């Protein structure tokens, strides 16, 4: 059975926030193409793992955005971001850090590693939901991405 191409990789370990994010994206008709990784190891395996086959690579090539929590188990979000941005193809996938941390050192470190956007999760249910809807609309409907198959040919 072939999976649908994945548009969004959501890296989040909190089940309540996963459910709310998926609900919010569903309101925009975007949730059918979301893959959830519940820790950094799952995220890296999905994107970079050596066991990744051609079908999974096709999913990776369709990704329009990664929503990445910094505080995930096994491998934290900063390390996930660092490894993604070191990969010639994965580094072209926009990454939005969606986290509860307002620490200046986290913000600075993420931008130094190449994050495309840093969003602090609102604690209010309605505001969190609106933030996720807005991110989904922007990255899936407004932002224009390069064709990654052509990018591979031009990368050093």
Protein backbone atom coordinates (compact mmCIF):
# COMPACT_ATOMS: atom_id res chain seq x y z
CA UNK A 1 0.00 0.00 0.00
CA UNK A 2 1.48 3.34 -1.06
CA UNK A 3 1.31 6.19 1.39
CA UNK A 4 0.15 9.62 0.33
CA UNK A 5 2.98 12.07 -0.21
CA UNK A 6 3.73 13.92 3.01
CA UNK A 7 3.54 17.74 3.06
CA UNK A 8 4.22 18.33 6.75
CA UNK A 9 6.45 16.50 9.19
CA UNK A 10 5.26 17.30 12.72
CA UNK A 11 7.91 16.48 15.32
CA UNK A 12 6.07 16.60 18.65
CA UNK A 13 5.95 14.29 21.66
CA UNK A 14 2.98 15.79 23.52
CA UNK A 15 -0.13 13.80 22.45
CA UNK A 16 -2.46 16.70 23.28
CA UNK A 17 -0.49 19.12 21.14
CA UNK A 18 -0.29 16.58 18.30
CA UNK A 19 -4.07 16.17 18.42
CA UNK A 20 -4.66 19.92 18.52
CA UNK A 21 -2.21 20.57 15.67
CA UNK A 22 -3.82 17.87 13.49
CA UNK A 23 -7.28 19.24 14.30
CA UNK A 24 -6.18 22.76 13.39
CA UNK A 25 -4.63 21.61 10.12
CA UNK A 26 -7.76 19.58 9.35
CA UNK A 27 -9.78 22.80 9.55
CA UNK A 28 -7.69 23.99 6.60
CA UNK A 29 -8.00 20.60 4.81
CA UNK A 30 -4.26 20.02 5.36
CA UNK A 31 -4.14 17.18 7.89
CA UNK A 32 -4.33 14.20 5.51
CA UNK A 33 -0.72 14.76 4.46
CA UNK A 34 0.94 15.06 7.87
CA UNK A 35 3.43 12.57 9.27
CA UNK A 36 3.98 12.68 13.03
CA UNK A 37 7.34 11.82 14.58
CA UNK A 38 7.11 11.58 18.36
CA UNK A 39 10.83 12.00 19.03
CA UNK A 40 14.01 13.11 17.32
CA UNK A 41 15.06 9.58 16.38
CA UNK A 42 11.78 9.02 14.49
CA UNK A 43 12.18 12.35 12.70
CA UNK A 44 15.74 11.60 11.62
CA UNK A 45 14.83 8.06 10.54
CA UNK A 46 11.96 9.41 8.45
CA UNK A 47 14.20 11.96 6.73
CA UNK A 48 17.72 10.58 6.73
CA UNK A 49 17.71 6.97 7.88
CA UNK A 50 19.83 4.47 5.94
CA UNK A 51 16.86 2.11 5.88
CA UNK A 52 14.91 4.71 3.95
CA UNK A 53 13.68 3.23 0.68
CA UNK A 54 12.66 4.89 -2.56
CA UNK A 55 9.06 5.27 -1.41
CA UNK A 56 10.10 7.09 1.77
CA UNK A 57 12.48 9.29 -0.21
CA UNK A 58 9.54 10.28 -2.40
CA UNK A 59 7.74 11.39 0.76
CA UNK A 60 10.80 13.42 1.74
CA UNK A 61 10.94 15.09 -1.66
CA UNK A 62 7.34 16.27 -1.25
CA UNK A 63 7.80 17.81 2.19
CA UNK A 64 6.88 21.47 2.30
CA UNK A 65 7.66 22.15 5.95
CA UNK A 66 8.86 20.54 9.16
CA UNK A 67 7.23 21.72 12.40
CA UNK A 68 9.83 20.92 15.03
CA UNK A 69 9.51 21.05 18.80
CA UNK A 70 12.86 21.58 20.52
CA UNK A 71 11.99 19.54 23.59
CA UNK A 72 11.53 16.07 22.12
CA UNK A 73 12.95 12.84 23.59
CA UNK A 74 15.91 10.74 22.44
CA UNK A 75 17.44 13.38 20.14
CA UNK A 76 16.50 16.99 20.92
CA UNK A 77 15.21 19.42 18.33
CA UNK A 78 18.47 21.37 18.05
CA UNK A 79 20.35 18.20 17.08
CA UNK A 80 17.61 17.23 14.61
CA UNK A 81 17.88 20.68 13.04
CA UNK A 82 21.68 20.45 12.90
CA UNK A 83 21.59 17.07 11.14
CA UNK A 84 18.89 18.14 8.69
CA UNK A 85 20.75 21.26 7.68
CA UNK A 86 23.92 19.19 7.11
CA UNK A 87 22.15 17.00 4.53
CA UNK A 88 22.28 18.43 0.96
CA UNK A 89 18.63 17.61 0.18
CA UNK A 90 17.03 17.87 3.62
CA UNK A 91 18.53 21.32 4.18
CA UNK A 92 16.22 22.67 1.48
CA UNK A 93 13.12 21.67 3.48
CA UNK A 94 11.87 24.65 5.48
CA UNK A 95 11.96 24.08 9.24
CA UNK A 96 9.76 25.96 11.67
CA UNK A 97 10.64 25.53 15.31
CA UNK A 98 7.34 25.40 17.19
CA UNK A 99 8.27 25.28 20.84
CA UNK A 100 7.47 26.59 24.30
CA UNK A 101 11.00 27.97 24.79
CA UNK A 102 11.45 31.72 24.78
CA UNK A 103 15.12 31.34 25.73
CA UNK A 104 17.26 33.79 23.74
CA UNK A 105 19.96 31.12 23.48
CA UNK A 106 17.51 28.68 21.84
CA UNK A 107 16.32 31.30 19.35
CA UNK A 108 19.89 32.32 18.47
CA UNK A 109 21.11 28.71 18.19
CA UNK A 110 18.23 27.71 15.91
CA UNK A 111 18.78 30.62 13.55
CA UNK A 112 22.54 29.91 13.53
CA UNK A 113 21.70 26.33 12.50
CA UNK A 114 19.50 27.53 9.62
CA UNK A 115 15.93 27.44 10.93
CA UNK A 116 13.46 29.25 8.68
CA UNK A 117 11.18 30.46 11.46
CA UNK A 118 10.94 30.29 15.24
CA UNK A 119 7.46 30.33 16.79
CA UNK A 120 6.76 30.19 20.51
CA UNK A 121 3.73 28.01 21.18
CA UNK A 122 0.88 30.05 22.60
CA UNK A 123 -0.40 28.53 25.84
CA UNK A 124 -3.98 29.47 25.02
CA UNK A 125 -5.86 26.71 23.13
CA UNK A 126 -7.43 29.07 20.57
CA UNK A 127 -4.19 30.97 19.95
CA UNK A 128 -2.20 27.74 19.52
CA UNK A 129 -4.80 26.46 17.07
CA UNK A 130 -4.70 29.71 15.09
CA UNK A 131 -0.89 29.70 15.01
CA UNK A 132 -0.84 26.17 13.55
CA UNK A 133 -3.54 27.06 10.98
CA UNK A 134 -1.57 30.15 9.95
CA UNK A 135 1.66 28.17 9.61
CA UNK A 136 -0.11 25.52 7.55
CA UNK A 137 -1.69 28.08 5.23
CA UNK A 138 1.56 29.93 4.70
CA UNK A 139 3.94 27.02 4.16
CA UNK A 140 1.54 24.91 2.08
CA UNK A 141 -0.39 27.48 0.11
CA UNK A 142 1.69 30.67 -0.07
CA UNK A 143 5.37 29.73 0.07
CA UNK A 144 7.02 28.59 -3.17
CA UNK A 145 9.60 25.82 -2.90
CA UNK A 146 12.21 24.74 -5.43
CA UNK A 147 11.98 21.43 -7.24
CA UNK A 148 14.32 19.32 -5.08
CA UNK A 149 15.11 16.92 -7.92
CA UNK A 150 16.60 19.81 -9.86
CA UNK A 151 18.29 21.17 -6.75
CA UNK A 152 20.22 17.91 -6.30
CA UNK A 153 21.81 18.46 -9.69
CA UNK A 154 22.98 21.97 -8.76
CA UNK A 155 24.23 21.30 -5.22
CA UNK A 156 27.98 21.04 -4.70
